[in-house]
Amino acid sequence: MYVVDYNNARIQRWYPGASYGTTVASGTMNLPNGLTFDRLGNLVVADTSNQRIISY
């Protein structure tokens, strides 16, 4: 499962049964609030305060 960590400006991947997540995206995001995957499997994030969409 992928989770937006809004307050820490990062995206984390959590595996079933895990006690903690692995950060897969961080850096220049400011208040990210949504994510999805495009048809090619790229992670797409709504970077709210920077008013942009980021693709990884």
C-alpha atoms as a PDB file:
ATOM      1  CA  MET A   1       0.000   0.000   0.000  1.00  0.00           C
ATOM      2  CA  TYR A   2       1.234   3.521  -0.777  1.00  0.00           C
ATOM      3  CA  VAL A   3       0.472   6.292   1.715  1.00  0.00           C
ATOM      4  CA  VAL A   4       0.756  10.083   1.505  1.00  0.00           C
ATOM      5  CA  ASP A   5       2.443  11.386   4.664  1.00  0.00           C
ATOM      6  CA  TYR A   6       1.043  14.912   4.379  1.00  0.00           C
ATOM      7  CA  ASN A   7       2.808  16.490   7.385  1.00  0.00           C
ATOM      8  CA  ASN A   8       6.224  15.016   6.582  1.00  0.00           C
ATOM      9  CA  ALA A   9       5.955  15.665   2.819  1.00  0.00           C
ATOM     10  CA  ARG A  10       6.721  12.132   1.677  1.00  0.00           C
ATOM     11  CA  ILE A  11       5.200   9.040   0.124  1.00  0.00           C
ATOM     12  CA  GLN A  12       5.663   5.728   1.878  1.00  0.00           C
ATOM     13  CA  ARG A  13       5.157   2.123   0.803  1.00  0.00           C
ATOM     14  CA  TRP A  14       3.805  -0.233   3.464  1.00  0.00           C
ATOM     15  CA  TYR A  15       3.901  -3.997   3.115  1.00  0.00           C
ATOM     16  CA  PRO A  16       1.267  -6.190   4.811  1.00  0.00           C
ATOM     17  CA  GLY A  17       2.201  -6.811   8.445  1.00  0.00           C
ATOM     18  CA  ALA A  18       4.982  -4.201   8.429  1.00  0.00           C
ATOM     19  CA  SER A  19       5.643  -2.080  11.519  1.00  0.00           C
ATOM     20  CA  TYR A  20       6.928   0.839   9.470  1.00  0.00           C
ATOM     21  CA  GLY A  21       6.871   2.127   5.912  1.00  0.00           C
ATOM     22  CA  THR A  22       9.656   2.723   3.420  1.00  0.00           C
ATOM     23  CA  THR A  23       9.956   6.229   1.988  1.00  0.00           C
ATOM     24  CA  VAL A  24       9.739   6.070  -1.805  1.00  0.00           C
ATOM     25  CA  ALA A  25       9.394   9.797  -2.582  1.00  0.00           C
ATOM     26  CA  SER A  26      10.319  12.949  -0.683  1.00  0.00           C
ATOM     27  CA  GLY A  27      12.326  16.102  -1.156  1.00  0.00           C
ATOM     28  CA  THR A  28      10.696  19.094  -2.815  1.00  0.00           C
ATOM     29  CA  MET A  29       7.055  18.220  -2.103  1.00  0.00           C
ATOM     30  CA  ASN A  30       5.072  20.603   0.084  1.00  0.00           C
ATOM     31  CA  LEU A  31       1.860  19.200   1.591  1.00  0.00           C
ATOM     32  CA  PRO A  32       1.242  16.331  -0.843  1.00  0.00           C
ATOM     33  CA  ASN A  33      -2.360  15.207  -0.550  1.00  0.00           C
ATOM     34  CA  GLY A  34      -3.080  12.522  -3.116  1.00  0.00           C
ATOM     35  CA  LEU A  35      -1.506   9.854  -5.252  1.00  0.00           C
ATOM     36  CA  THR A  36      -2.346   7.462  -8.033  1.00  0.00           C
ATOM     37  CA  PHE A  37      -0.561   5.381 -10.642  1.00  0.00           C
ATOM     38  CA  ASP A  38      -0.774   6.109 -14.354  1.00  0.00           C
ATOM     39  CA  ARG A  39      -1.342   3.420 -16.980  1.00  0.00           C
ATOM     40  CA  LEU A  40       2.428   2.855 -17.263  1.00  0.00           C
ATOM     41  CA  GLY A  41       2.780   2.249 -13.523  1.00  0.00           C
ATOM     42  CA  ASN A  42       4.370   5.606 -12.679  1.00  0.00           C
ATOM     43  CA  LEU A  43       3.563   7.088  -9.283  1.00  0.00           C
ATOM     44  CA  VAL A  44       1.724  10.414  -9.707  1.00  0.00           C
ATOM     45  CA  VAL A  45       1.470  12.778  -6.719  1.00  0.00           C
ATOM     46  CA  ALA A  46      -0.598  15.932  -6.146  1.00  0.00           C
ATOM     47  CA  ASP A  47       1.852  18.423  -4.596  1.00  0.00           C
ATOM     48  CA  THR A  48      -0.699  20.884  -3.217  1.00  0.00           C
ATOM     49  CA  SER A  49       1.271  23.846  -1.886  1.00  0.00           C
ATOM     50  CA  ASN A  50       3.644  23.814  -4.864  1.00  0.00           C
ATOM     51  CA  GLN A  51       0.581  23.718  -7.153  1.00  0.00           C
ATOM     52  CA  ARG A  52       1.882  20.900  -9.341  1.00  0.00           C
ATOM     53  CA  ILE A  53       1.600  17.236 -10.223  1.00  0.00           C
ATOM     54  CA  ILE A  54       4.770  15.147  -9.871  1.00  0.00           C
ATOM     55  CA  SER A  55       5.386  11.855 -11.672  1.00  0.00           C
ATOM     56  CA  TYR A  56       7.980   9.312 -10.493  1.00  0.00           C
END
